[in-house]
Structures are given as structure tokens and as C-alpha cells.
Amino acid sequence: MMMTTKRTTDRSGLGKRRCRRLARGGGALVALCAAIAASGCASTGHPRPILARELAEAQTFPYYKVYWAGPSFAGQPLAAADGQSGYISTVGDSVYYGDCVHGKGIFGGGSCLLPLQVTTVIYRLHSNSALGPQRNIVVRGVPATVYDEGRSIELYSGRVAIDVFSDTFAHARAAARELLPLNAPGSAGGDLPPPVYCPGLSGPQDAQVRGAMERLPRRICQKADAATAFANSLA
């Protein structure tokens, strides 16, 4: 499904930055990222409102919790949402806000910069070093990583990673605070469920982040550190 757009802002750098996050899914995604990053929003006009059946498909997504920021964000309506149809596990499911929605997929805005895209994907163990300059924080009680010059935040919760892609750090932080499940009961208040895995954080961790990591269920990070130390001793 393709959707019309309002502006033709050239943001090819956006595709390159987000590909650092998404290319971990495999070579096919690298090629797809390159193609999408080179494209732009070519048509004009406001996007149509999201179809009821499209929203319903997202609300019945069966595999895991998908997060959104509600029917609108910062005055921008929900413009599109993924669902089970065409689902790719390495890409995840996304919701898109704003008047620059180009089409559903890895980058809802093509090379345009949406005010908000939220992507929920099953977490696969990896190092965050590929994200480039970053810092680790705690958001809604769970570890998170801020990258892309503050415009993107990856939160770790349950079995998933929740990627908040935005146009400003203020929007990214606001969206992270407003996240709630789209296809399950829940609210935007309180802490998110802690991750059941140990996130592969890269870079310094302050006392708050270390405390959040140490409190994860089943002492998963302590066990991961012990396994790494044992492997290093054998080497």
C-alpha cells in the first residue's frame, strides 16, 4: 500500500542511519535499505486517514505486543500501521504518524523524516556498537539506548525491542513516555515490562542503567557476564 505525501524533504542520511540498526537482519535488508534510502517522497497532497481494516489488522497482530503512541502524536494522526499481512520477523511491525508517509515498510517516510515511527521487533542478541555514537538511559523503568543524534531511542521490554524513530530528541523522548500496546491491554502510565534478555548495550552505563540491568529477571545479565568471562578464560 502506497500513501501520498505533502513534502519532498531530502533526508537520504536518515536511511543510512537507520540501516545501521536494521541491517543486522541480513544481506537482503542491506540491499533493501540502500534502495529505500536512495528514494524520496515524490507525490504531493495529504495522506488519507488510516483505514479501519488496516488498524484492525494491527490490533489483532498475534505474535507479540506491538507498541504505538495512541491515535495521534504531537498533533499528527496515525497514518499507517503494519499487521500480519506481509510481516517479516527481522523487520518487525511498525506504526507511522505524520503527513509524509510514503508507504509501509522499513522506512515509512522513504527519505522524508516522519515525526514518529514506532517499530516493534523480536529482540535478537547483538552489540549496539553498530548504532554509532550513543548513550544508555533508563526509560519507563527499562534500559534504553539513544542514538541517531538523539532522534532515535531503542527500548528493551519483554521479548522485544521497541525502536522510536523521530525527527527530534524531544519528540523521541515524548513518544517513549507515551508508548502503550496496540494489540494488548495496557496504558501509557507506569513502567514497561522488563526485558527477559540482557540487552547488548555498548558504551558507558551510569548507576541508574547498571541498576536496571542488574534487576532484570532471573539475573540474566549476571549470567551473561559470567558466561562471557568463562569463554574468555578458555580463550
Protein backbone atom coordinates (compact mmCIF):
# COMPACT_ATOMS: atom_id res chain seq x y z
CA MET A 1 0.00 0.00 0.00
CA MET A 2 1.41 3.37 -1.03
CA MET A 3 0.33 6.65 0.50
CA THR A 4 0.59 10.21 -0.75
CA THR A 5 2.83 12.80 0.86
CA LYS A 6 2.96 16.51 1.48
CA ARG A 7 6.63 17.40 1.13
CA THR A 8 9.76 16.23 -0.65
CA THR A 9 12.34 16.81 2.06
CA ASP A 10 15.66 15.16 1.15
CA ARG A 11 16.69 13.00 4.12
CA SER A 12 18.86 10.33 2.50
CA GLY A 13 21.04 10.37 5.60
CA LEU A 14 18.04 9.10 7.57
CA GLY A 15 18.09 5.84 5.63
CA LYS A 16 21.80 5.38 6.21
CA ARG A 17 21.46 5.93 9.96
CA ARG A 18 18.52 3.59 10.38
CA CYS A 19 20.14 0.91 8.23
CA ARG A 20 22.83 0.61 10.91
CA ARG A 21 20.03 -0.65 13.15
CA LEU A 22 18.13 -2.76 10.61
CA ALA A 23 20.97 -4.26 8.56
CA ARG A 24 21.56 -6.74 11.36
CA GLY A 25 18.64 -8.66 9.89
CA GLY A 26 20.72 -9.90 6.94
CA GLY A 27 22.03 -9.09 3.47
CA ALA A 28 18.61 -8.80 1.86
CA LEU A 29 17.76 -5.96 4.23
CA VAL A 30 21.01 -4.19 3.41
CA ALA A 31 20.06 -4.11 -0.26
CA LEU A 32 16.52 -3.02 0.55
CA CYS A 33 17.78 -0.29 2.85
CA ALA A 34 20.05 1.05 0.13
CA ALA A 35 17.19 1.20 -2.34
CA ILE A 36 14.82 2.91 0.06
CA ALA A 37 17.44 5.36 1.33
CA ALA A 38 18.03 6.48 -2.25
CA SER A 39 14.30 7.07 -2.86
CA GLY A 40 12.25 10.10 -1.92
CA CYS A 41 8.70 11.23 -1.35
CA ALA A 42 7.66 12.10 -4.83
CA SER A 43 3.96 12.87 -4.73
CA THR A 44 2.04 15.71 -3.12
CA GLY A 45 -1.08 16.10 -1.00
CA HIS A 46 -2.13 14.95 2.43
CA PRO A 47 -2.31 11.21 3.20
CA ARG A 48 -5.72 9.65 3.54
CA PRO A 49 -6.83 8.66 7.07
CA ILE A 50 -5.83 5.17 8.14
CA LEU A 51 -8.39 2.59 7.02
CA ALA A 52 -10.40 0.89 9.75
CA ARG A 53 -9.48 -2.56 8.41
CA GLU A 54 -5.78 -1.64 8.43
CA LEU A 55 -5.96 -0.52 12.05
CA ALA A 56 -7.96 -3.64 12.94
CA GLU A 57 -5.30 -5.84 11.38
CA ALA A 58 -2.64 -4.17 13.53
CA GLN A 59 -4.83 -4.50 16.62
CA THR A 60 -5.09 -8.27 16.07
CA PHE A 61 -1.41 -8.88 15.32
CA PRO A 62 -0.90 -12.28 17.01
CA TYR A 63 2.81 -12.82 17.60
CA TYR A 64 3.80 -10.30 20.29
CA LYS A 65 2.91 -6.90 21.71
CA VAL A 66 3.16 -4.09 19.18
CA TYR A 67 3.56 -0.59 20.62
CA TRP A 68 2.21 2.77 19.46
CA ALA A 69 1.72 6.27 20.87
CA GLY A 70 -2.07 6.35 20.53
CA PRO A 71 -4.32 7.59 17.70
CA SER A 72 -2.25 10.76 17.30
CA PHE A 73 1.12 12.12 18.37
CA ALA A 74 2.12 15.79 18.70
CA GLY A 75 -0.90 16.79 16.64
CA GLN A 76 -0.09 14.31 13.86
CA PRO A 77 -2.59 11.49 13.21
CA LEU A 78 -1.75 7.83 12.87
CA ALA A 79 -1.32 7.49 9.12
CA ALA A 80 -0.48 3.80 8.63
CA ALA A 81 0.10 0.60 10.56
CA ASP A 82 1.56 -2.78 9.70
CA GLY A 83 -0.14 -6.05 10.55
CA GLN A 84 0.23 -9.75 9.99
CA SER A 85 -0.02 -9.44 6.21
CA GLY A 86 3.49 -9.19 4.77
CA TYR A 87 5.08 -9.49 8.22
CA ILE A 88 8.87 -10.04 8.20
CA SER A 89 10.24 -11.16 11.56
CA THR A 90 13.61 -9.43 11.11
CA VAL A 91 11.92 -6.11 10.31
CA GLY A 92 9.08 -6.19 12.83
CA ASP A 93 5.79 -4.30 12.82
CA SER A 94 5.52 -0.51 12.69
CA VAL A 95 3.07 2.35 13.12
CA TYR A 96 3.56 5.66 11.30
CA TYR A 97 2.50 9.21 12.13
CA GLY A 98 2.55 12.37 10.04
CA ASP A 99 1.92 13.81 6.59
CA CYS A 100 4.98 12.34 4.89
CA VAL A 101 4.00 8.68 4.87
CA HIS A 102 5.27 7.18 1.64
CA GLY A 103 4.49 3.52 2.20
CA LYS A 104 4.60 0.83 4.84
CA GLY A 105 7.87 -0.99 5.37
CA ILE A 106 11.31 -0.34 6.84
CA PHE A 107 11.08 3.44 6.32
CA GLY A 108 7.52 4.73 6.25
CA GLY A 109 8.71 8.10 5.03
CA GLY A 110 11.16 6.92 2.36
CA SER A 111 13.77 9.67 2.54
CA CYS A 112 11.31 12.03 4.25
CA LEU A 113 11.57 12.38 8.00
CA LEU A 114 8.39 11.36 9.79
CA PRO A 115 7.62 13.00 13.13
CA LEU A 116 7.27 9.48 14.52
CA GLN A 117 7.61 5.85 13.50
CA VAL A 118 7.50 3.13 16.16
CA THR A 119 8.82 -0.30 15.21
CA THR A 120 8.46 -3.34 17.46
CA VAL A 121 10.65 -6.36 16.67
CA ILE A 122 11.63 -9.58 18.43
CA TYR A 123 14.99 -8.92 20.08
CA ARG A 124 17.98 -10.86 18.79
CA LEU A 125 21.17 -10.68 20.81
CA HIS A 126 23.63 -8.23 19.26
CA SER A 127 26.07 -5.50 20.19
CA ASN A 128 24.84 -1.92 19.88
CA SER A 129 28.25 -0.74 18.66
CA ALA A 130 26.89 -0.62 15.09
CA LEU A 131 24.49 2.17 16.08
CA GLY A 132 27.34 4.70 16.20
CA PRO A 133 27.51 7.45 18.84
CA GLN A 134 25.01 6.62 21.58
CA ARG A 135 24.24 6.82 25.26
CA ASN A 136 22.39 4.48 27.58
CA ILE A 137 19.48 5.64 29.72
CA VAL A 138 16.51 4.22 31.62
CA VAL A 139 13.03 4.99 30.23
CA ARG A 140 9.81 3.75 31.83
CA GLY A 141 11.89 1.52 34.13
CA VAL A 142 13.70 -0.37 31.33
CA PRO A 143 17.14 0.02 29.72
CA ALA A 144 17.20 2.06 26.52
CA THR A 145 19.74 3.40 24.04
CA VAL A 146 19.62 6.87 22.49
CA TYR A 147 21.31 7.19 19.08
CA ASP A 148 20.97 8.97 15.71
CA GLU A 149 21.92 12.28 17.38
CA GLY A 150 19.06 11.79 19.85
CA ARG A 151 16.33 11.28 17.25
CA SER A 152 16.07 7.52 17.84
CA ILE A 153 15.59 5.53 21.04
CA GLU A 154 15.62 1.74 21.34
CA LEU A 155 13.80 0.43 24.42
CA TYR A 156 14.12 -3.15 25.69
CA SER A 157 10.97 -4.77 27.06
CA GLY A 158 9.60 -8.30 27.27
CA ARG A 159 10.80 -10.31 24.26
CA VAL A 160 11.03 -7.26 22.01
CA ALA A 161 12.97 -4.13 21.18
CA ILE A 162 10.89 -1.01 20.59
CA ASP A 163 12.51 1.45 18.19
CA VAL A 164 11.26 5.03 18.31
CA PHE A 165 12.33 6.90 15.17
CA SER A 166 11.56 10.62 15.24
CA ASP A 167 12.58 14.00 13.87
CA THR A 168 13.81 15.49 17.17
CA PHE A 169 15.09 14.27 20.52
CA ALA A 170 12.13 15.97 22.24
CA HIS A 171 9.67 14.02 20.08
CA ALA A 172 11.57 10.78 20.61
CA ARG A 173 11.54 11.18 24.41
CA ALA A 174 7.87 12.21 24.43
CA ALA A 175 6.90 9.21 22.32
CA ALA A 176 8.87 6.84 24.53
CA ARG A 177 6.93 8.12 27.52
CA GLU A 178 3.59 7.62 25.73
CA LEU A 179 4.14 4.08 24.42
CA LEU A 180 1.40 1.55 25.05
CA PRO A 181 0.41 -1.77 23.47
CA LEU A 182 -1.71 -1.56 20.33
CA ASN A 183 -2.82 -5.20 20.33
CA ALA A 184 -2.99 -5.96 24.07
CA PRO A 185 -4.27 -4.38 27.28
CA GLY A 186 -2.04 -1.70 28.75
CA SER A 187 -1.60 2.01 29.30
CA ALA A 188 0.96 4.73 28.78
CA GLY A 189 1.45 5.09 32.53
CA GLY A 190 3.94 3.26 34.69
CA ASP A 191 6.90 1.10 33.81
CA LEU A 192 7.18 -1.16 30.79
CA PRO A 193 7.67 -4.91 31.37
CA PRO A 194 11.39 -5.62 31.90
CA PRO A 195 13.22 -7.48 29.12
CA VAL A 196 13.65 -11.24 29.53
CA TYR A 197 17.10 -10.98 27.89
CA CYS A 198 20.25 -8.98 28.61
CA PRO A 199 20.46 -6.11 26.07
CA GLY A 200 23.79 -5.79 24.28
CA LEU A 201 24.46 -2.23 25.42
CA SER A 202 27.58 -0.51 24.14
CA GLY A 203 29.36 2.35 25.87
CA PRO A 204 29.23 3.71 29.43
CA GLN A 205 26.50 2.77 31.88
CA ASP A 206 25.74 5.09 34.77
CA ALA A 207 24.48 3.87 38.14
CA GLN A 208 20.83 4.04 37.07
CA VAL A 209 21.42 1.95 33.95
CA ARG A 210 23.59 -0.57 35.82
CA GLY A 211 20.90 -0.91 38.47
CA ALA A 212 18.22 -1.54 35.83
CA MET A 213 20.38 -4.19 34.17
CA GLU A 214 21.16 -5.90 37.47
CA ARG A 215 17.46 -6.08 38.39
CA LEU A 216 16.38 -7.89 35.21
CA PRO A 217 14.53 -11.20 35.80
CA ARG A 218 16.50 -14.37 36.58
CA ARG A 219 19.72 -12.35 36.92
CA ILE A 220 20.04 -12.70 33.16
CA CYS A 221 22.79 -10.07 32.77
CA GLN A 222 24.88 -11.51 35.61
CA LYS A 223 24.62 -14.94 33.97
CA ALA A 224 25.57 -13.48 30.59
CA ASP A 225 28.60 -11.73 32.10
CA ALA A 226 29.67 -14.97 33.82
CA ALA A 227 29.35 -16.92 30.55
CA THR A 228 31.42 -14.32 28.71
CA ALA A 229 34.11 -14.35 31.39
CA PHE A 230 34.27 -18.15 31.24
CA ALA A 231 34.57 -18.11 27.44
CA ASN A 232 37.35 -15.52 27.65
CA SER A 233 39.21 -17.61 30.21
CA LEU A 234 39.17 -20.61 27.84
CA ALA A 235 40.48 -18.43 25.04
